[in-house]
Protein backbone atom coordinates (compact mmCIF):
# COMPACT_ATOMS: atom_id res chain seq x y z
CA UNK A 1 191.73 -145.50 -70.97
CA UNK A 2 194.99 -143.88 -72.10
CA UNK A 3 195.70 -140.47 -70.63
CA UNK A 4 198.32 -137.98 -71.80
CA UNK A 5 198.80 -135.38 -69.11
CA UNK A 6 199.86 -131.75 -69.58
CA UNK A 7 203.04 -130.06 -68.40
CA UNK A 8 202.94 -129.60 -64.62
CA UNK A 9 205.67 -126.93 -64.83
CA UNK A 10 204.27 -124.30 -67.16
CA UNK A 11 206.89 -121.87 -68.44
CA UNK A 12 209.80 -124.29 -67.96
CA UNK A 13 211.33 -126.34 -70.80
CA UNK A 14 209.90 -129.82 -70.83
CA UNK A 15 212.19 -132.67 -69.80
CA UNK A 16 212.24 -136.41 -70.41
CA UNK A 17 210.78 -136.82 -66.92
CA UNK A 18 207.85 -134.55 -67.85
CA UNK A 19 207.17 -136.58 -71.00
CA UNK A 20 207.40 -139.82 -69.04
CA UNK A 21 204.90 -138.61 -66.43
CA UNK A 22 202.51 -137.32 -69.10
CA UNK A 23 202.69 -140.55 -71.11
CA UNK A 24 202.61 -142.71 -67.97
CA UNK A 25 205.82 -144.57 -68.78
CA UNK A 26 209.32 -144.56 -67.33
CA UNK A 27 211.88 -141.90 -68.19
CA UNK A 28 214.15 -144.72 -69.40
CA UNK A 29 211.52 -145.81 -71.91
CA UNK A 30 211.20 -142.26 -73.23
CA UNK A 31 214.98 -141.87 -73.52
CA UNK A 32 215.45 -145.18 -75.30
CA UNK A 33 212.53 -144.45 -77.62
CA UNK A 34 213.97 -141.13 -78.79
CA UNK A 35 217.47 -142.64 -79.07
CA UNK A 36 216.03 -145.44 -81.22
CA UNK A 37 217.37 -148.01 -78.76
CA UNK A 38 214.06 -149.78 -78.21
CA UNK A 39 211.00 -150.79 -80.23
CA UNK A 40 207.91 -150.10 -78.12
CA UNK A 41 204.35 -151.22 -78.79
CA UNK A 42 202.77 -148.85 -81.31
CA UNK A 43 200.25 -147.55 -78.76
CA UNK A 44 202.99 -146.75 -76.22
CA UNK A 45 205.21 -145.07 -78.81
CA UNK A 46 202.27 -142.97 -80.00
CA UNK A 47 201.54 -141.92 -76.41
CA UNK A 48 205.13 -140.77 -75.93
CA UNK A 49 205.13 -138.83 -79.21
CA UNK A 50 201.81 -137.19 -78.32
CA UNK A 51 203.04 -136.21 -74.87
CA UNK A 52 206.22 -134.73 -76.34
CA UNK A 53 204.18 -132.75 -78.86
CA UNK A 54 201.79 -131.40 -76.21
CA UNK A 55 204.67 -130.40 -73.96
CA UNK A 56 206.79 -128.92 -76.74
CA UNK A 57 209.58 -131.32 -75.86
CA UNK A 58 212.47 -131.60 -78.32
CA UNK A 59 215.02 -134.40 -77.93
CA UNK A 60 218.60 -133.30 -77.32
CA UNK A 61 220.15 -134.13 -80.68
CA UNK A 62 223.72 -133.69 -79.49
CA UNK A 63 223.16 -136.02 -76.55
CA UNK A 64 221.48 -138.54 -78.82
CA UNK A 65 224.40 -138.49 -81.23
CA UNK A 66 226.86 -138.89 -78.36
CA UNK A 67 224.83 -141.84 -77.08
CA UNK A 68 224.80 -143.49 -80.49
CA UNK A 69 228.47 -142.77 -81.16
CA UNK A 70 227.79 -141.02 -84.47
CA UNK A 71 227.07 -137.54 -85.80
CA UNK A 72 224.27 -138.49 -88.22
CA UNK A 73 225.95 -136.21 -90.75
CA UNK A 74 227.98 -136.93 -93.87
CA UNK A 75 230.43 -134.77 -95.81
CA UNK A 76 230.82 -134.32 -99.56
CA UNK A 77 233.85 -132.70 -101.20
CA UNK A 78 233.24 -131.45 -104.76
CA UNK A 79 235.89 -129.94 -107.04
CA UNK A 80 233.48 -127.44 -108.64
CA UNK A 81 229.84 -127.20 -107.61
CA UNK A 82 229.14 -124.89 -110.56
CA UNK A 83 229.88 -127.81 -112.90
CA UNK A 84 226.44 -129.15 -113.90
CA UNK A 85 227.19 -132.85 -113.36
CA UNK A 86 228.68 -132.27 -109.90
CA UNK A 87 225.79 -130.05 -108.82
CA UNK A 88 223.29 -132.70 -109.93
CA UNK A 89 225.20 -135.45 -108.10
CA UNK A 90 225.26 -133.33 -104.92
CA UNK A 91 221.50 -132.75 -105.17
CA UNK A 92 220.83 -136.48 -105.51
CA UNK A 93 223.19 -137.26 -102.62
CA UNK A 94 221.45 -134.73 -100.37
CA UNK A 95 218.06 -136.21 -101.20
CA UNK A 96 219.27 -139.71 -100.32
CA UNK A 97 220.81 -138.43 -97.07
CA UNK A 98 217.45 -136.95 -96.10
CA UNK A 99 215.72 -140.25 -96.83
CA UNK A 100 218.27 -142.03 -94.63
CA UNK A 101 217.95 -139.54 -91.77
CA UNK A 102 221.33 -137.87 -92.29
CA UNK A 103 222.48 -134.31 -92.91
CA UNK A 104 224.88 -133.65 -95.81
CA UNK A 105 227.64 -131.02 -95.48
CA UNK A 106 228.94 -129.92 -98.90
CA UNK A 107 232.45 -128.50 -99.38
CA UNK A 108 233.34 -126.83 -102.70
CA UNK A 109 237.11 -126.87 -103.35
CA UNK A 110 237.03 -124.78 -106.56
CA UNK A 111 239.40 -127.42 -107.94
CA UNK A 112 242.20 -126.38 -105.55
CA UNK A 113 244.28 -129.23 -104.14
CA UNK A 114 245.10 -127.46 -100.87
CA UNK A 115 241.40 -126.83 -100.24
CA UNK A 116 240.50 -130.46 -100.86
CA UNK A 117 243.14 -131.65 -98.41
CA UNK A 118 242.08 -129.01 -95.85
CA UNK A 119 238.42 -129.99 -96.23
CA UNK A 120 239.23 -133.66 -95.66
CA UNK A 121 241.10 -132.77 -92.48
CA UNK A 122 238.28 -130.50 -91.29
CA UNK A 123 235.72 -133.21 -91.96
CA UNK A 124 237.67 -135.68 -89.84
CA UNK A 125 238.03 -133.11 -87.05
CA UNK A 126 234.29 -132.40 -87.16
CA UNK A 127 233.65 -136.13 -86.73
CA UNK A 128 231.21 -136.58 -89.57
CA UNK A 129 230.44 -140.22 -90.11
CA UNK A 130 231.77 -140.45 -93.67
CA UNK A 131 232.72 -138.58 -96.84
CA UNK A 132 231.84 -138.69 -100.54
CA UNK A 133 234.85 -137.37 -102.44
CA UNK A 134 235.00 -136.02 -106.01
CA UNK A 135 238.40 -134.72 -107.12
CA UNK A 136 240.34 -133.82 -110.25
CA UNK A 137 243.69 -134.24 -108.45
CA UNK A 138 243.99 -138.00 -108.61
CA UNK A 139 247.67 -137.90 -109.55
CA UNK A 140 248.81 -136.14 -106.36
CA UNK A 141 250.51 -138.69 -104.03
CA UNK A 142 249.59 -136.81 -100.84
CA UNK A 143 245.89 -137.12 -101.70
CA UNK A 144 245.80 -140.88 -101.09
CA UNK A 145 247.66 -140.44 -97.80
CA UNK A 146 245.10 -137.93 -96.52
CA UNK A 147 242.14 -140.02 -97.69
CA UNK A 148 243.49 -143.08 -95.88
CA UNK A 149 243.55 -141.10 -92.62
CA UNK A 150 239.87 -140.17 -92.90
CA UNK A 151 237.36 -142.78 -91.81
CA UNK A 152 234.69 -143.98 -94.21
CA UNK A 153 235.40 -142.42 -97.61
CA UNK A 154 233.84 -143.29 -100.98
CA UNK A 155 235.39 -141.94 -104.19
CA UNK A 156 232.99 -140.79 -106.90
CA UNK A 157 233.68 -140.32 -110.62
CA UNK A 158 237.50 -140.18 -110.45
CA UNK A 159 240.07 -142.50 -108.90
CA UNK A 160 242.85 -141.75 -106.42
CA UNK A 161 245.47 -144.52 -106.77
CA UNK A 162 246.60 -145.85 -103.41
CA UNK A 163 243.43 -144.90 -101.54
CA UNK A 164 242.12 -147.93 -99.65
CA UNK A 165 238.44 -147.05 -100.00
CA UNK A 166 235.36 -147.96 -102.04
CA UNK A 167 234.78 -146.38 -105.43
CA UNK A 168 231.83 -145.59 -107.69
CA UNK A 169 232.59 -144.85 -111.34
CA UNK A 170 230.70 -144.60 -114.63
CA UNK A 171 231.43 -147.12 -117.37
CA UNK A 172 233.38 -144.48 -119.27
CA UNK A 173 235.18 -146.82 -121.65
CA UNK A 174 231.93 -148.44 -122.74
CA UNK A 175 230.25 -145.06 -123.19
CA UNK A 176 233.08 -143.71 -125.34
CA UNK A 177 233.05 -146.82 -127.48
CA UNK A 178 229.31 -146.43 -128.09
CA UNK A 179 229.74 -142.77 -129.03
CA UNK A 180 232.50 -143.40 -131.58
CA UNK A 181 230.73 -146.46 -132.99
CA UNK A 182 227.76 -144.18 -133.69
CA UNK A 183 230.00 -141.75 -135.56
CA UNK A 184 231.57 -144.58 -137.56
CA UNK A 185 228.10 -145.89 -138.45
CA UNK A 186 227.30 -142.44 -139.90
CA UNK A 187 230.31 -142.74 -142.19
CA UNK A 188 232.97 -140.83 -140.24
CA UNK A 189 236.59 -141.99 -140.44
CA UNK A 190 238.47 -138.93 -139.23
CA UNK A 191 237.27 -138.56 -135.65
CA UNK A 192 238.93 -136.49 -132.92
CA UNK A 193 238.86 -137.05 -129.18
CA UNK A 194 238.99 -133.96 -126.98
CA UNK A 195 239.29 -135.07 -123.37
CA UNK A 196 239.84 -133.61 -119.93
CA UNK A 197 242.91 -133.73 -117.69
CA UNK A 198 245.39 -136.33 -118.92
CA UNK A 199 245.89 -138.09 -115.57
CA UNK A 200 242.20 -138.57 -114.74
CA UNK A 201 240.61 -142.02 -114.83
CA UNK A 202 237.61 -140.80 -116.84
CA UNK A 203 239.82 -139.14 -119.47
CA UNK A 204 241.88 -142.27 -120.00
CA UNK A 205 238.94 -144.66 -119.94
CA UNK A 206 237.18 -142.57 -122.60
CA UNK A 207 240.38 -142.47 -124.64
CA UNK A 208 240.52 -146.27 -124.51
CA UNK A 209 236.88 -146.55 -125.58
CA UNK A 210 237.56 -144.14 -128.45
CA UNK A 211 240.49 -146.27 -129.58
CA UNK A 212 238.49 -149.48 -129.18
CA UNK A 213 235.86 -148.24 -131.61
CA UNK A 214 238.45 -147.03 -134.13
CA UNK A 215 240.26 -150.38 -134.01
CA UNK A 216 237.03 -152.30 -134.49
CA UNK A 217 236.33 -150.20 -137.60
CA UNK A 218 239.84 -150.71 -138.99
CA UNK A 219 240.76 -147.03 -138.52
CA UNK A 220 244.36 -146.26 -137.58
CA UNK A 221 244.55 -143.76 -134.68
CA UNK A 222 246.07 -140.36 -135.43
CA UNK A 223 247.84 -138.91 -132.35
CA UNK A 224 247.15 -135.39 -133.63
CA UNK A 225 243.43 -136.05 -133.16
CA UNK A 226 243.85 -136.95 -129.48
CA UNK A 227 243.79 -133.71 -127.48
CA UNK A 228 243.70 -133.32 -123.70
CA UNK A 229 242.06 -129.96 -123.13
CA UNK A 230 241.46 -130.13 -119.40
CA UNK A 231 238.46 -128.49 -117.75
CA UNK A 232 239.74 -124.95 -117.32
CA UNK A 233 237.93 -121.95 -118.75
CA UNK A 234 238.47 -121.76 -122.51
CA UNK A 235 240.32 -125.08 -122.68
CA UNK A 236 237.91 -126.49 -125.25
CA UNK A 237 238.34 -123.39 -127.40
CA UNK A 238 242.12 -123.89 -127.37
CA UNK A 239 241.60 -127.49 -128.46
CA UNK A 240 239.41 -126.32 -131.32
CA UNK A 241 242.15 -123.96 -132.47
CA UNK A 242 244.53 -126.91 -132.73
CA UNK A 243 242.08 -128.82 -134.90
CA UNK A 244 241.23 -125.76 -136.97
CA UNK A 245 244.92 -125.31 -137.84
CA UNK A 246 245.00 -128.68 -139.62
CA UNK A 247 244.82 -128.91 -143.40
CA UNK A 248 242.07 -131.52 -142.98
CA UNK A 249 240.29 -131.16 -139.62
CA UNK A 250 238.19 -134.08 -138.39
CA UNK A 251 234.65 -134.58 -139.65
CA UNK A 252 233.53 -135.54 -136.15
CA UNK A 253 234.58 -134.85 -132.56
CA UNK A 254 233.94 -136.92 -129.47
CA UNK A 255 234.20 -134.57 -126.48
CA UNK A 256 235.00 -136.23 -123.16
CA UNK A 257 232.49 -134.01 -121.34
CA UNK A 258 229.48 -131.91 -122.28
CA UNK A 259 231.18 -128.74 -121.05
CA UNK A 260 234.08 -129.41 -123.43
CA UNK A 261 231.51 -129.78 -126.21
CA UNK A 262 230.02 -126.42 -125.20
CA UNK A 263 233.48 -124.83 -125.44
CA UNK A 264 233.90 -126.29 -128.92
CA UNK A 265 230.54 -124.91 -130.00
CA UNK A 266 231.51 -121.51 -128.61
CA UNK A 267 234.67 -121.55 -130.73
CA UNK A 268 232.74 -122.50 -133.87
CA UNK A 269 230.12 -119.78 -133.64
CA UNK A 270 232.25 -116.76 -134.71
CA UNK A 271 233.40 -118.74 -137.75
CA UNK A 272 229.87 -119.48 -138.87
CA UNK A 273 230.39 -123.23 -138.49
CA UNK A 274 227.27 -125.31 -137.95
CA UNK A 275 226.90 -128.67 -136.24
CA UNK A 276 226.53 -131.22 -137.76
CA UNK A 277 227.00 -129.67 -141.24
CA UNK A 278 230.63 -128.65 -140.61
CA UNK A 279 231.47 -131.26 -137.99
CA UNK A 280 229.50 -133.82 -135.98
CA UNK A 281 229.81 -133.59 -132.20
CA UNK A 282 229.12 -135.94 -129.28
CA UNK A 283 229.52 -135.12 -125.58
CA UNK A 284 229.59 -137.11 -122.35
CA UNK A 285 227.45 -136.59 -119.19
CA UNK A 286 224.04 -135.47 -120.51
CA UNK A 287 224.16 -132.41 -118.30
CA UNK A 288 221.13 -130.19 -117.85
CA UNK A 289 219.96 -128.27 -120.96
CA UNK A 290 221.96 -130.35 -123.47
CA UNK A 291 218.63 -131.24 -125.06
CA UNK A 292 217.73 -127.59 -125.78
CA UNK A 293 220.92 -126.59 -127.59
CA UNK A 294 220.71 -125.82 -131.31
CA UNK A 295 221.09 -128.55 -132.39
CA UNK A 296 220.37 -130.71 -129.32
CA UNK A 297 223.59 -132.45 -128.28
CA UNK A 298 224.04 -136.16 -128.81
CA UNK A 299 225.79 -137.36 -125.66
CA UNK A 300 226.56 -140.29 -123.39
CA UNK A 301 224.38 -140.16 -120.28
CA UNK A 302 225.83 -141.05 -116.91
CA UNK A 303 223.12 -140.76 -114.30
CA UNK A 304 223.81 -138.07 -111.70
CA UNK A 305 220.87 -139.49 -109.75
CA UNK A 306 222.51 -142.91 -109.63
CA UNK A 307 225.87 -141.41 -108.67
CA UNK A 308 224.47 -139.45 -105.75
CA UNK A 309 222.01 -142.04 -104.52
CA UNK A 310 224.24 -145.11 -104.78
CA UNK A 311 227.21 -143.13 -103.49
CA UNK A 312 225.40 -142.37 -100.22
CA UNK A 313 224.12 -145.94 -99.95
CA UNK A 314 227.62 -147.33 -100.45
CA UNK A 315 228.98 -144.93 -97.84
CA UNK A 316 226.34 -145.93 -95.29
CA UNK A 317 227.02 -149.62 -95.97
CA UNK A 318 230.64 -148.91 -95.08
CA UNK A 319 229.74 -146.93 -91.96
CA UNK A 320 227.37 -149.58 -90.62
CA UNK A 321 229.76 -152.45 -91.30
CA UNK A 322 227.64 -154.06 -94.01
CA UNK A 323 230.64 -153.69 -96.34
CA UNK A 324 233.88 -154.58 -94.59
CA UNK A 325 236.29 -154.41 -97.54
CA UNK A 326 236.57 -151.72 -100.24
CA UNK A 327 234.72 -152.37 -103.47
CA UNK A 328 234.46 -150.79 -106.91
CA UNK A 329 231.05 -150.37 -108.50
CA UNK A 330 230.02 -148.87 -111.84
CA UNK A 331 227.14 -146.73 -113.06
CA UNK A 332 225.67 -147.82 -116.38
CA UNK A 333 225.81 -145.39 -119.31
CA UNK A 334 223.55 -144.80 -122.30
CA UNK A 335 224.03 -143.11 -125.68
CA UNK A 336 221.40 -140.40 -126.15
CA UNK A 337 221.02 -139.67 -129.85
CA UNK A 338 219.89 -136.14 -130.71
CA UNK A 339 220.69 -133.72 -133.51
CA UNK A 340 224.44 -133.04 -133.42
CA UNK A 341 225.54 -136.01 -135.55
CA UNK A 342 225.18 -136.22 -139.33
CA UNK A 343 226.99 -137.57 -142.37
CA UNK A 344 230.59 -136.41 -143.00
CA UNK A 345 230.99 -133.12 -144.84
CA UNK A 346 232.31 -133.22 -148.42
CA UNK A 347 234.65 -130.24 -147.99
CA UNK A 348 238.23 -130.93 -146.91
CA UNK A 349 238.22 -128.13 -144.32
CA UNK A 350 235.23 -127.28 -142.15
CA UNK A 351 235.71 -123.56 -142.87
CA UNK A 352 234.63 -124.32 -146.45
CA UNK A 353 231.13 -125.02 -145.10
CA UNK A 354 230.77 -121.53 -143.56
CA UNK A 355 229.36 -118.43 -145.26
CA UNK A 356 232.09 -116.84 -147.38
CA UNK A 357 232.40 -113.66 -145.33
CA UNK A 358 232.99 -115.71 -142.16
CA UNK A 359 235.14 -118.44 -143.69
CA UNK A 360 237.78 -115.85 -144.58
CA UNK A 361 238.25 -114.76 -140.95
């Protein structure tokens, strides 16, 4: 008959010795059970857990972490948590951390280089077990130096040349090629690319995919239709102004990110321009709510779920020694066709498609 005794010292915090006496096992067995250093028979483990519950005993987490030589926490540095894709990736990463028994600490740099470097240094000082890192400052030489001083880092979404760590990227070039091929199939020949920061991996990979599709269709690239807007507030609207100033603006635009596409739509609205009647538009990301725009945005989907989940898995493989050398993996992409692509307009300028009172503005 198995007996689980009560706490002989009522009013005092329960100790490992109390749990051991109540469960009729040694204190060493209790300690090793809670530190996950031993696999006990199911009946014995259940007796220990029951005794701990009855006594209100809580394992000393700090002592356990010290014993195991790890913090059981991971860090994640994000350039802008308000950006829909980044927020969704962070949510997926946190969910995977929970499944793996880890806590995720999220640091939002607001796209400031000094904050990202400071966060990396703080993370190392706090002795978290590893870091997921998303940055828009890949061209800064000091960034690679700092990353290489931090143990167990995985780069997500953007590259940092010179960093000796694993990476997880989307297949941006392939996604851009699919997007522009779709526009070409609809009859478009004058297609613009409005991308993000010029020195980012994703911007350049999407530019290459854009050019690949044009070349395959026998379309000569026009440098005036390649614009690097960045991701700052209003940057997409400034890019639209450049295109609007042309005698013959493009009949279609491939935006390197959904938020750039949103900026372009915002610039079109006061002019009475409609998508796809005035210009067809494709984004990249498939961020939340892109399917409820008017019209719903055709876009290239890169899975935030896959980014966050696989990013944590790759980081833990590095931490546990399953992956001894850095690797580069890719997230698959998919073209999501919705309502923002149509046949090319007949008018030379897109303003000629707007109501007369607005076209004159």
